[in-house]
C-alpha atoms as a PDB file:
ATOM      1  CA  MET A   1      22.259  16.700   2.445  1.00  0.00           C
ATOM      2  CA  ALA A   2      19.029  15.807   4.258  1.00  0.00           C
ATOM      3  CA  GLU A   3      18.139  19.498   4.471  1.00  0.00           C
ATOM      4  CA  THR A   4      17.995  19.704   0.684  1.00  0.00           C
ATOM      5  CA  LEU A   5      15.094  17.228   0.681  1.00  0.00           C
ATOM      6  CA  PHE A   6      12.978  19.287   3.091  1.00  0.00           C
ATOM      7  CA  GLU A   7       9.803  20.628   1.461  1.00  0.00           C
ATOM      8  CA  GLN A   8       7.816  22.071   4.396  1.00  0.00           C
ATOM      9  CA  GLU A   9       6.781  18.700   5.810  1.00  0.00           C
ATOM     10  CA  ALA A  10       5.008  18.796   9.165  1.00  0.00           C
ATOM     11  CA  TYR A  11       7.675  16.517  10.706  1.00  0.00           C
ATOM     12  CA  PHE A  12      11.309  15.650  10.066  1.00  0.00           C
ATOM     13  CA  LEU A  13      13.038  12.562  11.478  1.00  0.00           C
ATOM     14  CA  GLN A  14      16.701  11.743  11.043  1.00  0.00           C
ATOM     15  CA  ILE A  15      18.022   8.363  12.187  1.00  0.00           C
ATOM     16  CA  ASP A  16      20.789   5.944  11.375  1.00  0.00           C
ATOM     17  CA  SER A  17      20.290   2.368  10.263  1.00  0.00           C
ATOM     18  CA  HIS A  18      20.721   0.849  13.733  1.00  0.00           C
ATOM     19  CA  CYS A  19      17.445   1.954  15.317  1.00  0.00           C
ATOM     20  CA  ARG A  20      14.609  -0.181  16.626  1.00  0.00           C
ATOM     21  CA  PHE A  21      11.085   1.146  17.005  1.00  0.00           C
ATOM     22  CA  ILE A  22       8.172   0.136  19.204  1.00  0.00           C
ATOM     23  CA  PRO A  23       4.695  -0.240  17.720  1.00  0.00           C
ATOM     24  CA  GLY A  24       3.052   3.191  17.539  1.00  0.00           C
ATOM     25  CA  TRP A  25       6.362   5.053  17.866  1.00  0.00           C
ATOM     26  CA  ASP A  26       5.202   7.792  15.497  1.00  0.00           C
ATOM     27  CA  ASP A  27       2.038   8.506  17.489  1.00  0.00           C
ATOM     28  CA  GLU A  28       4.092   8.650  20.703  1.00  0.00           C
ATOM     29  CA  MET A  29       6.559  11.116  19.213  1.00  0.00           C
ATOM     30  CA  ILE A  30       3.760  13.332  17.904  1.00  0.00           C
ATOM     31  CA  ALA A  31       2.171  13.287  21.380  1.00  0.00           C
ATOM     32  CA  MET A  32       5.531  14.333  22.886  1.00  0.00           C
ATOM     33  CA  LEU A  33       5.789  17.175  20.385  1.00  0.00           C
ATOM     34  CA  ARG A  34       2.275  18.364  21.207  1.00  0.00           C
ATOM     35  CA  GLN A  35       3.166  18.382  24.889  1.00  0.00           C
ATOM     36  CA  VAL A  36       6.326  20.461  24.488  1.00  0.00           C
ATOM     37  CA  GLU A  37       4.692  22.798  21.953  1.00  0.00           C
ATOM     38  CA  GLN A  38       2.867  24.248  24.952  1.00  0.00           C
ATOM     39  CA  LYS A  39       6.215  25.677  26.103  1.00  0.00           C
ATOM     40  CA  SER A  40       8.034  26.234  22.818  1.00  0.00           C
ATOM     41  CA  PRO A  41       6.552  26.966  19.377  1.00  0.00           C
ATOM     42  CA  ARG A  42       9.231  24.978  17.501  1.00  0.00           C
ATOM     43  CA  PRO A  43      10.301  22.047  19.684  1.00  0.00           C
ATOM     44  CA  ILE A  44      13.007  19.530  18.868  1.00  0.00           C
ATOM     45  CA  LEU A  45      13.057  15.987  20.229  1.00  0.00           C
ATOM     46  CA  SER A  46      16.515  14.499  20.456  1.00  0.00           C
ATOM     47  CA  SER A  47      17.881  11.279  21.830  1.00  0.00           C
ATOM     48  CA  TYR A  48      21.007   9.166  21.946  1.00  0.00           C
ATOM     49  CA  PRO A  49      19.576   5.688  21.356  1.00  0.00           C
ATOM     50  CA  PRO A  50      21.222   2.506  22.593  1.00  0.00           C
ATOM     51  CA  PRO A  51      23.433   0.537  20.216  1.00  0.00           C
ATOM     52  CA  TYR A  52      21.801  -2.280  18.293  1.00  0.00           C
ATOM     53  CA  SER A  53      23.315  -5.375  16.740  1.00  0.00           C
ATOM     54  CA  PRO A  54      21.006  -7.716  14.805  1.00  0.00           C
ATOM     55  CA  GLY A  55      20.670 -11.044  16.563  1.00  0.00           C
ATOM     56  CA  GLU A  56      21.555  -9.586  19.963  1.00  0.00           C
ATOM     57  CA  ASP A  57      19.259 -10.535  22.844  1.00  0.00           C
ATOM     58  CA  GLU A  58      16.933  -7.537  23.070  1.00  0.00           C
ATOM     59  CA  GLU A  59      16.071  -7.930  26.759  1.00  0.00           C
ATOM     60  CA  ALA A  60      19.736  -8.173  27.774  1.00  0.00           C
ATOM     61  CA  SER A  61      20.495  -5.108  25.665  1.00  0.00           C
ATOM     62  CA  LYS A  62      17.756  -3.061  27.385  1.00  0.00           C
ATOM     63  CA  LYS A  63      19.163  -3.833  30.834  1.00  0.00           C
ATOM     64  CA  ARG A  64      22.541  -2.318  29.923  1.00  0.00           C
ATOM     65  CA  TYR A  65      21.223   1.029  28.714  1.00  0.00           C
ATOM     66  CA  VAL A  66      19.036   3.786  30.110  1.00  0.00           C
ATOM     67  CA  SER A  67      17.814   6.564  27.808  1.00  0.00           C
ATOM     68  CA  ARG A  68      15.701   9.580  28.647  1.00  0.00           C
ATOM     69  CA  LEU A  69      14.088  12.262  26.540  1.00  0.00           C
ATOM     70  CA  ILE A  70      14.049  15.445  28.580  1.00  0.00           C
ATOM     71  CA  PHE A  71      12.429  18.707  27.527  1.00  0.00           C
ATOM     72  CA  ARG A  72      14.617  21.770  27.747  1.00  0.00           C
ATOM     73  CA  GLU A  73      13.210  25.066  26.555  1.00  0.00           C
ATOM     74  CA  PHE A  74      15.143  27.549  24.460  1.00  0.00           C
END
């Protein structure tokens, strides 16, 4: 369904409703894309974010989960 909305935008982001973002997240992701574009002309950033429940202690939640974005060329 999301593909039907694509109209040649420069970027495409697909998330679910349980994501939290840091300030400047979009600039950081664009910087990551620029970095991996040096190795691949059409990079994809992917991640499995930690679960989020509103009202949950954010610091305690961070200590239970480690996430990494790792570049892997095609």
